[in-house]
Every structure is written in C-alpha cells, then in structure tokens.
Amino acid sequence: MDKQMTFKITNEDGVDVEYEVLFTFESDETKKNYMVYTDNTKDEEGNIKVYASIYEPEKDETKLEPIETEEEWAIIQKS
C-alpha cells in the first residue's frame, strides 16, 4: 500500500491541522501545479471537505496559494 502524503497547517486558533494530499497535477492550460487535499472532516450534509490550492513542487518549502478564478476551479473539478 502506498504511504499517504500529509502535511500540517496551523489554523487561526493556533491548532495544528493535518491534511491528506489526495492528488496533485499540472494543468496544460494554466501551466500551474495544483494540490487537492482534505482534513477528513465533514460538512453539514455529511460530505468530506476537500480543498485545492496552487503550489510550486520545486520549492523546498511548500506555500499554498488560493485558487482565484472560476476557470481554474473548472479545471480542478474536471481532474
């Protein structure tokens, strides 16, 4: 079984939250790299919350950037 990649982010309350990376990909359209991840919590309807961010895999320290356009969200949803 493959080992799941995880990372932690400290939230605004100072609590470390662990996230599991679901998948990463580079878009041919935008030439950006995207990471899709979850903290395995559920929303009000019982669905697992999933997040996506732009990242640069070549950097030593990963910095997650927000998705800012509807076009990028559409690309992520198709993946």
C-alpha atoms as a PDB file:
ATOM      1  CA  MET A   1       0.000   0.000   0.000  1.00  0.00           C
ATOM      2  CA  ASP A   2       1.291   3.483  -0.836  1.00  0.00           C
ATOM      3  CA  LYS A   3       2.044   5.795   2.059  1.00  0.00           C
ATOM      4  CA  GLN A   4      -0.297   8.781   2.063  1.00  0.00           C
ATOM      5  CA  MET A   5       1.354  12.189   1.907  1.00  0.00           C
ATOM      6  CA  THR A   6       0.242  14.508   4.691  1.00  0.00           C
ATOM      7  CA  PHE A   7       1.103  17.988   5.912  1.00  0.00           C
ATOM      8  CA  LYS A   8       0.129  20.235   8.817  1.00  0.00           C
ATOM      9  CA  ILE A   9      -1.081  23.810   8.851  1.00  0.00           C
ATOM     10  CA  THR A  10      -1.580  25.870  11.993  1.00  0.00           C
ATOM     11  CA  ASN A  11      -5.059  27.402  11.872  1.00  0.00           C
ATOM     12  CA  GLU A  12      -6.107  30.814  13.157  1.00  0.00           C
ATOM     13  CA  ASP A  13      -6.721  29.326  16.634  1.00  0.00           C
ATOM     14  CA  GLY A  14      -3.119  28.075  16.845  1.00  0.00           C
ATOM     15  CA  VAL A  15      -4.136  24.442  16.394  1.00  0.00           C
ATOM     16  CA  ASP A  16      -2.155  22.196  14.032  1.00  0.00           C
ATOM     17  CA  VAL A  17      -4.490  20.564  11.497  1.00  0.00           C
ATOM     18  CA  GLU A  18      -3.250  17.573   9.494  1.00  0.00           C
ATOM     19  CA  TYR A  19      -4.254  17.344   5.831  1.00  0.00           C
ATOM     20  CA  GLU A  20      -4.024  14.374   3.495  1.00  0.00           C
ATOM     21  CA  VAL A  21      -2.987  15.023  -0.106  1.00  0.00           C
ATOM     22  CA  LEU A  22      -5.494  13.354  -2.429  1.00  0.00           C
ATOM     23  CA  PHE A  23      -3.671  14.191  -5.667  1.00  0.00           C
ATOM     24  CA  THR A  24      -1.549  16.772  -7.432  1.00  0.00           C
ATOM     25  CA  PHE A  25      -1.380  17.726 -11.089  1.00  0.00           C
ATOM     26  CA  GLU A  26      -0.063  20.301 -13.518  1.00  0.00           C
ATOM     27  CA  SER A  27      -2.586  21.931 -15.834  1.00  0.00           C
ATOM     28  CA  ASP A  28      -1.667  22.164 -19.501  1.00  0.00           C
ATOM     29  CA  GLU A  29      -3.997  25.168 -19.759  1.00  0.00           C
ATOM     30  CA  THR A  30      -2.627  27.313 -16.937  1.00  0.00           C
ATOM     31  CA  LYS A  31       0.867  25.779 -16.559  1.00  0.00           C
ATOM     32  CA  LYS A  32       0.274  25.836 -12.786  1.00  0.00           C
ATOM     33  CA  ASN A  33       0.539  22.978 -10.301  1.00  0.00           C
ATOM     34  CA  TYR A  34      -2.470  22.170  -8.133  1.00  0.00           C
ATOM     35  CA  MET A  35      -2.833  20.180  -4.917  1.00  0.00           C
ATOM     36  CA  VAL A  36      -6.170  18.704  -3.837  1.00  0.00           C
ATOM     37  CA  TYR A  37      -6.323  17.750  -0.161  1.00  0.00           C
ATOM     38  CA  THR A  38      -8.620  17.061   2.793  1.00  0.00           C
ATOM     39  CA  ASP A  39      -8.643  17.182   6.575  1.00  0.00           C
ATOM     40  CA  ASN A  40     -11.248  14.372   6.530  1.00  0.00           C
ATOM     41  CA  THR A  41     -13.863  16.480   8.302  1.00  0.00           C
ATOM     42  CA  LYS A  42     -17.447  16.538   7.071  1.00  0.00           C
ATOM     43  CA  ASP A  43     -19.750  19.384   6.101  1.00  0.00           C
ATOM     44  CA  GLU A  44     -23.360  19.780   7.275  1.00  0.00           C
ATOM     45  CA  GLU A  45     -24.542  17.314   4.614  1.00  0.00           C
ATOM     46  CA  GLY A  46     -22.049  14.611   5.615  1.00  0.00           C
ATOM     47  CA  ASN A  47     -19.686  15.115   2.672  1.00  0.00           C
ATOM     48  CA  ILE A  48     -15.938  15.060   3.289  1.00  0.00           C
ATOM     49  CA  LYS A  49     -14.471  18.541   2.890  1.00  0.00           C
ATOM     50  CA  VAL A  50     -11.958  18.822   0.034  1.00  0.00           C
ATOM     51  CA  TYR A  51      -9.708  21.810  -0.659  1.00  0.00           C
ATOM     52  CA  ALA A  52      -7.479  22.843  -3.558  1.00  0.00           C
ATOM     53  CA  SER A  53      -4.549  25.219  -3.850  1.00  0.00           C
ATOM     54  CA  ILE A  54      -1.825  26.247  -6.249  1.00  0.00           C
ATOM     55  CA  TYR A  55       1.663  25.164  -5.238  1.00  0.00           C
ATOM     56  CA  GLU A  56       5.196  25.007  -6.646  1.00  0.00           C
ATOM     57  CA  PRO A  57       6.647  21.488  -6.270  1.00  0.00           C
ATOM     58  CA  GLU A  58      10.220  22.651  -6.997  1.00  0.00           C
ATOM     59  CA  LYS A  59      10.392  24.831  -3.882  1.00  0.00           C
ATOM     60  CA  ASP A  60      11.918  23.484  -0.664  1.00  0.00           C
ATOM     61  CA  GLU A  61       9.124  24.973   1.438  1.00  0.00           C
ATOM     62  CA  THR A  62       5.645  24.484   0.024  1.00  0.00           C
ATOM     63  CA  LYS A  63       3.477  27.591   0.044  1.00  0.00           C
ATOM     64  CA  LEU A  64      -0.176  27.090  -0.837  1.00  0.00           C
ATOM     65  CA  GLU A  65      -1.755  29.843  -2.920  1.00  0.00           C
ATOM     66  CA  PRO A  66      -5.521  30.351  -3.322  1.00  0.00           C
ATOM     67  CA  ILE A  67      -7.458  29.453  -6.464  1.00  0.00           C
ATOM     68  CA  GLU A  68      -8.709  32.783  -7.765  1.00  0.00           C
ATOM     69  CA  THR A  69     -10.650  32.181 -10.963  1.00  0.00           C
ATOM     70  CA  GLU A  70     -13.719  30.196 -11.958  1.00  0.00           C
ATOM     71  CA  GLU A  71     -11.715  28.810 -14.891  1.00  0.00           C
ATOM     72  CA  GLU A  72      -9.174  27.283 -12.524  1.00  0.00           C
ATOM     73  CA  TRP A  73     -11.934  25.769 -10.381  1.00  0.00           C
ATOM     74  CA  ALA A  74     -13.419  24.232 -13.534  1.00  0.00           C
ATOM     75  CA  ILE A  75     -10.038  22.687 -14.412  1.00  0.00           C
ATOM     76  CA  ILE A  76      -9.740  21.217 -10.915  1.00  0.00           C
ATOM     77  CA  GLN A  77     -13.271  19.819 -10.986  1.00  0.00           C
ATOM     78  CA  LYS A  78     -12.543  18.035 -14.287  1.00  0.00           C
ATOM     79  CA  SER A  79      -9.467  16.323 -12.796  1.00  0.00           C
END
